[in-house]
Amino acid sequence: MGSKNRDVRQRQLEQAVARLEARQAELTERGLDPKAIARDPVRRKLEAELQEARGRIAAMDAAEAHVKEVAAKPKDKGKGKGKGKGKGDKGGGKGKKAKKDK
């Protein structure tokens, strides 16, 4: 179950939907009222699996969108920008306090 492959995750989603639909049909066939069906622990577990599968696929979509967004940004090396300490930069007096002369 630890796959990051989209096809595997899609198959898991389809299987979860099929199991949930089968359970719903079984419960309605038994003649249970909607409140009892909603409280069924097996059905609730299957709902949770379905939600997990959808969440995993959504996370994959978000990751792919982020990769595309980062790839689309111009590559700026940041030359001469910011307050970074480079070679020869004294740091502006930050760090240890200097002793005062008397």
N, C-alpha and C. Protein backbone atom coordinates (compact mmCIF):
# COMPACT_ATOMS: atom_id res chain seq x y z
N MET A 1 0.81 -1.20 0.00
CA MET A 1 0.00 0.00 0.00
C MET A 1 0.85 1.26 0.00
N GLY A 2 2.16 1.14 0.08
CA GLY A 2 2.99 2.32 0.17
C GLY A 2 3.42 2.85 -1.18
N SER A 3 2.64 2.67 -2.21
CA SER A 3 3.03 3.10 -3.54
C SER A 3 2.74 4.57 -3.77
N LYS A 4 3.63 5.20 -4.54
CA LYS A 4 3.42 6.59 -4.93
C LYS A 4 2.99 6.68 -6.40
N ASN A 5 2.68 5.54 -6.99
CA ASN A 5 2.28 5.46 -8.39
C ASN A 5 0.80 5.85 -8.51
N ARG A 6 0.51 6.75 -9.43
CA ARG A 6 -0.86 7.23 -9.60
C ARG A 6 -1.81 6.11 -10.01
N ASP A 7 -1.37 5.19 -10.86
CA ASP A 7 -2.24 4.10 -11.30
C ASP A 7 -2.66 3.22 -10.12
N VAL A 8 -1.71 2.94 -9.24
CA VAL A 8 -2.02 2.11 -8.07
C VAL A 8 -3.01 2.83 -7.17
N ARG A 9 -2.80 4.11 -6.95
CA ARG A 9 -3.71 4.88 -6.09
C ARG A 9 -5.10 4.97 -6.71
N GLN A 10 -5.16 5.12 -8.02
CA GLN A 10 -6.45 5.18 -8.70
C GLN A 10 -7.19 3.85 -8.57
N ARG A 11 -6.46 2.75 -8.68
CA ARG A 11 -7.06 1.44 -8.51
C ARG A 11 -7.58 1.25 -7.09
N GLN A 12 -6.81 1.74 -6.10
CA GLN A 12 -7.26 1.66 -4.71
C GLN A 12 -8.55 2.45 -4.51
N LEU A 13 -8.64 3.60 -5.14
CA LEU A 13 -9.85 4.41 -5.05
C LEU A 13 -11.05 3.67 -5.64
N GLU A 14 -10.85 3.08 -6.81
CA GLU A 14 -11.93 2.34 -7.46
C GLU A 14 -12.37 1.14 -6.62
N GLN A 15 -11.41 0.44 -6.02
CA GLN A 15 -11.74 -0.70 -5.18
C GLN A 15 -12.51 -0.25 -3.93
N ALA A 16 -12.11 0.87 -3.36
CA ALA A 16 -12.80 1.38 -2.16
C ALA A 16 -14.24 1.76 -2.50
N VAL A 17 -14.44 2.38 -3.66
CA VAL A 17 -15.80 2.74 -4.09
C VAL A 17 -16.64 1.48 -4.28
N ALA A 18 -16.05 0.47 -4.91
CA ALA A 18 -16.79 -0.77 -5.17
C ALA A 18 -17.17 -1.46 -3.86
N ARG A 19 -16.24 -1.52 -2.91
CA ARG A 19 -16.55 -2.16 -1.62
C ARG A 19 -17.62 -1.40 -0.87
N LEU A 20 -17.56 -0.06 -0.91
CA LEU A 20 -18.55 0.75 -0.22
C LEU A 20 -19.93 0.57 -0.83
N GLU A 21 -20.00 0.57 -2.16
CA GLU A 21 -21.29 0.37 -2.82
C GLU A 21 -21.86 -1.01 -2.51
N ALA A 22 -21.00 -2.02 -2.47
CA ALA A 22 -21.47 -3.37 -2.16
C ALA A 22 -22.01 -3.43 -0.73
N ARG A 23 -21.33 -2.77 0.19
CA ARG A 23 -21.80 -2.77 1.58
C ARG A 23 -23.14 -2.03 1.70
N GLN A 24 -23.25 -0.89 1.01
CA GLN A 24 -24.51 -0.12 1.03
C GLN A 24 -25.66 -0.99 0.51
N ALA A 25 -25.40 -1.69 -0.59
CA ALA A 25 -26.44 -2.55 -1.17
C ALA A 25 -26.83 -3.67 -0.22
N GLU A 26 -25.83 -4.25 0.45
CA GLU A 26 -26.10 -5.33 1.40
C GLU A 26 -26.96 -4.83 2.56
N LEU A 27 -26.63 -3.65 3.06
CA LEU A 27 -27.38 -3.11 4.21
C LEU A 27 -28.81 -2.74 3.82
N THR A 28 -28.99 -2.16 2.63
CA THR A 28 -30.35 -1.83 2.20
C THR A 28 -31.15 -3.09 1.90
N GLU A 29 -30.47 -4.13 1.42
CA GLU A 29 -31.13 -5.40 1.15
C GLU A 29 -31.65 -6.03 2.45
N ARG A 30 -30.91 -5.83 3.52
CA ARG A 30 -31.34 -6.33 4.83
C ARG A 30 -32.54 -5.57 5.37
N GLY A 31 -32.80 -4.41 4.80
CA GLY A 31 -33.95 -3.62 5.22
C GLY A 31 -33.67 -2.68 6.38
N LEU A 32 -32.41 -2.29 6.54
CA LEU A 32 -32.06 -1.36 7.62
C LEU A 32 -32.48 0.06 7.25
N ASP A 33 -32.84 0.83 8.27
CA ASP A 33 -33.20 2.23 8.02
C ASP A 33 -31.92 3.05 7.82
N PRO A 34 -32.02 4.25 7.23
CA PRO A 34 -30.84 5.06 6.94
C PRO A 34 -29.98 5.40 8.16
N LYS A 35 -30.61 5.56 9.33
CA LYS A 35 -29.84 5.85 10.54
C LYS A 35 -28.96 4.66 10.93
N ALA A 36 -29.50 3.47 10.81
CA ALA A 36 -28.73 2.27 11.14
C ALA A 36 -27.61 2.06 10.13
N ILE A 37 -27.89 2.36 8.88
CA ILE A 37 -26.87 2.25 7.84
C ILE A 37 -25.74 3.23 8.12
N ALA A 38 -26.09 4.44 8.53
CA ALA A 38 -25.07 5.46 8.82
C ALA A 38 -24.20 5.07 10.00
N ARG A 39 -24.74 4.28 10.93
CA ARG A 39 -23.98 3.87 12.11
C ARG A 39 -23.19 2.59 11.91
N ASP A 40 -23.36 1.94 10.78
CA ASP A 40 -22.69 0.67 10.55
C ASP A 40 -21.17 0.85 10.57
N PRO A 41 -20.45 0.15 11.44
CA PRO A 41 -19.01 0.37 11.56
C PRO A 41 -18.21 -0.05 10.32
N VAL A 42 -18.65 -1.09 9.65
CA VAL A 42 -17.94 -1.53 8.44
C VAL A 42 -18.08 -0.48 7.35
N ARG A 43 -19.30 0.04 7.18
CA ARG A 43 -19.53 1.08 6.18
C ARG A 43 -18.71 2.33 6.49
N ARG A 44 -18.64 2.69 7.78
CA ARG A 44 -17.87 3.87 8.17
C ARG A 44 -16.38 3.66 7.90
N LYS A 45 -15.88 2.45 8.13
CA LYS A 45 -14.48 2.14 7.84
C LYS A 45 -14.22 2.26 6.34
N LEU A 46 -15.15 1.75 5.54
CA LEU A 46 -14.99 1.85 4.09
C LEU A 46 -15.04 3.31 3.62
N GLU A 47 -15.88 4.12 4.26
CA GLU A 47 -15.92 5.56 3.95
C GLU A 47 -14.57 6.20 4.26
N ALA A 48 -13.97 5.81 5.38
CA ALA A 48 -12.67 6.36 5.76
C ALA A 48 -11.58 5.96 4.75
N GLU A 49 -11.62 4.71 4.30
CA GLU A 49 -10.65 4.26 3.29
C GLU A 49 -10.82 5.05 2.00
N LEU A 50 -12.06 5.30 1.63
CA LEU A 50 -12.35 6.07 0.43
C LEU A 50 -11.81 7.50 0.57
N GLN A 51 -12.03 8.09 1.72
CA GLN A 51 -11.55 9.45 1.98
C GLN A 51 -10.02 9.49 1.95
N GLU A 52 -9.37 8.46 2.51
CA GLU A 52 -7.91 8.39 2.49
C GLU A 52 -7.39 8.31 1.05
N ALA A 53 -8.01 7.47 0.25
CA ALA A 53 -7.57 7.30 -1.13
C ALA A 53 -7.73 8.61 -1.90
N ARG A 54 -8.85 9.30 -1.70
CA ARG A 54 -9.04 10.59 -2.36
C ARG A 54 -8.01 11.61 -1.89
N GLY A 55 -7.69 11.57 -0.59
CA GLY A 55 -6.69 12.49 -0.04
C GLY A 55 -5.31 12.24 -0.62
N ARG A 56 -4.95 10.98 -0.80
CA ARG A 56 -3.65 10.65 -1.38
C ARG A 56 -3.54 11.15 -2.81
N ILE A 57 -4.60 10.94 -3.57
CA ILE A 57 -4.59 11.40 -4.96
C ILE A 57 -4.54 12.93 -5.01
N ALA A 58 -5.28 13.59 -4.12
CA ALA A 58 -5.25 15.05 -4.07
C ALA A 58 -3.86 15.55 -3.70
N ALA A 59 -3.17 14.85 -2.81
CA ALA A 59 -1.81 15.23 -2.43
C ALA A 59 -0.86 15.07 -3.61
N MET A 60 -1.06 14.02 -4.38
CA MET A 60 -0.23 13.82 -5.57
C MET A 60 -0.47 14.95 -6.57
N ASP A 61 -1.74 15.34 -6.74
CA ASP A 61 -2.06 16.44 -7.65
C ASP A 61 -1.42 17.74 -7.18
N ALA A 62 -1.48 17.99 -5.87
CA ALA A 62 -0.90 19.21 -5.33
C ALA A 62 0.62 19.22 -5.50
N ALA A 63 1.25 18.07 -5.31
CA ALA A 63 2.70 17.99 -5.48
C ALA A 63 3.10 18.23 -6.93
N GLU A 64 2.34 17.67 -7.86
CA GLU A 64 2.63 17.88 -9.27
C GLU A 64 2.43 19.34 -9.66
N ALA A 65 1.39 19.96 -9.13
CA ALA A 65 1.14 21.37 -9.42
C ALA A 65 2.27 22.23 -8.87
N HIS A 66 2.76 21.88 -7.68
CA HIS A 66 3.86 22.64 -7.07
C HIS A 66 5.13 22.52 -7.91
N VAL A 67 5.41 21.31 -8.39
CA VAL A 67 6.59 21.10 -9.22
C VAL A 67 6.49 21.93 -10.50
N LYS A 68 5.32 21.95 -11.12
CA LYS A 68 5.13 22.75 -12.33
C LYS A 68 5.29 24.24 -12.04
N GLU A 69 4.76 24.68 -10.90
CA GLU A 69 4.85 26.08 -10.52
C GLU A 69 6.30 26.49 -10.28
N VAL A 70 7.05 25.66 -9.61
CA VAL A 70 8.45 25.96 -9.34
C VAL A 70 9.25 25.96 -10.63
N ALA A 71 8.94 25.03 -11.52
CA ALA A 71 9.65 24.94 -12.79
C ALA A 71 9.35 26.16 -13.67
N ALA A 72 8.16 26.74 -13.52
CA ALA A 72 7.77 27.88 -14.35
C ALA A 72 8.38 29.19 -13.88
N LYS A 73 8.82 29.25 -12.61
CA LYS A 73 9.39 30.48 -12.09
C LYS A 73 10.75 30.74 -12.74
N PRO A 74 11.08 32.03 -12.96
CA PRO A 74 12.40 32.32 -13.52
C PRO A 74 13.48 31.99 -12.49
N LYS A 75 14.58 31.50 -12.97
CA LYS A 75 15.66 31.11 -12.07
C LYS A 75 16.55 32.32 -11.81
N ASP A 76 16.42 32.87 -10.61
CA ASP A 76 17.18 34.04 -10.21
C ASP A 76 18.19 33.60 -9.18
N LYS A 77 19.45 33.83 -9.46
CA LYS A 77 20.50 33.40 -8.55
C LYS A 77 20.61 34.32 -7.34
N GLY A 78 19.99 35.50 -7.39
CA GLY A 78 20.03 36.40 -6.25
C GLY A 78 21.34 37.15 -6.14
N LYS A 79 21.98 37.46 -7.25
CA LYS A 79 23.26 38.17 -7.21
C LYS A 79 23.07 39.58 -6.67
N GLY A 80 23.79 39.89 -5.63
CA GLY A 80 23.78 41.24 -5.09
C GLY A 80 22.54 41.58 -4.29
N LYS A 81 21.74 40.63 -3.99
CA LYS A 81 20.51 40.91 -3.25
C LYS A 81 20.63 40.34 -1.85
N GLY A 82 19.95 40.97 -0.93
CA GLY A 82 19.90 40.46 0.44
C GLY A 82 21.08 40.93 1.28
N LYS A 83 21.08 40.50 2.52
CA LYS A 83 22.12 40.90 3.45
C LYS A 83 23.00 39.72 3.83
N GLY A 84 23.33 38.89 2.90
CA GLY A 84 24.15 37.73 3.20
C GLY A 84 25.57 38.11 3.53
N LYS A 85 26.20 37.36 4.39
CA LYS A 85 27.61 37.59 4.72
C LYS A 85 28.46 36.83 3.71
N GLY A 86 29.19 37.56 2.94
CA GLY A 86 30.08 36.95 1.99
C GLY A 86 31.50 37.07 2.49
N LYS A 87 32.47 36.74 1.64
CA LYS A 87 33.86 36.88 2.03
C LYS A 87 34.21 38.35 2.20
N GLY A 88 34.88 38.67 3.25
CA GLY A 88 35.31 40.04 3.49
C GLY A 88 34.25 40.91 4.12
N ASP A 89 33.08 40.40 4.32
CA ASP A 89 32.02 41.19 4.94
C ASP A 89 32.19 41.10 6.45
N LYS A 90 32.28 42.27 7.09
CA LYS A 90 32.52 42.30 8.53
C LYS A 90 31.27 41.99 9.32
N GLY A 91 30.12 42.07 8.74
CA GLY A 91 28.91 41.73 9.46
C GLY A 91 28.26 42.89 10.16
N GLY A 92 28.78 44.08 10.04
CA GLY A 92 28.13 45.26 10.59
C GLY A 92 28.16 45.33 12.11
N GLY A 93 29.13 44.75 12.74
CA GLY A 93 29.25 44.87 14.18
C GLY A 93 28.40 43.89 14.96
N LYS A 94 27.80 42.97 14.31
CA LYS A 94 27.00 41.98 15.01
C LYS A 94 27.92 40.91 15.57
N GLY A 95 27.49 40.31 16.62
CA GLY A 95 28.31 39.26 17.22
C GLY A 95 28.78 39.69 18.60
N LYS A 96 30.06 39.49 18.91
CA LYS A 96 30.59 39.83 20.23
C LYS A 96 30.64 41.33 20.40
N LYS A 97 30.40 41.75 21.64
CA LYS A 97 30.45 43.18 21.93
C LYS A 97 31.92 43.63 22.03
N ALA A 98 32.16 44.82 21.50
CA ALA A 98 33.51 45.38 21.58
C ALA A 98 33.73 46.02 22.94
N LYS A 99 34.96 45.93 23.46
CA LYS A 99 35.27 46.54 24.74
C LYS A 99 35.46 48.03 24.55
N LYS A 100 34.98 48.81 25.53
CA LYS A 100 35.14 50.25 25.48
C LYS A 100 36.48 50.64 26.05
N ASP A 101 37.12 51.61 25.42
CA ASP A 101 38.38 52.14 25.95
C ASP A 101 38.10 53.14 27.06
N LYS A 102 38.97 53.19 28.11
CA LYS A 102 38.80 54.12 29.20
C LYS A 102 39.77 55.25 29.14
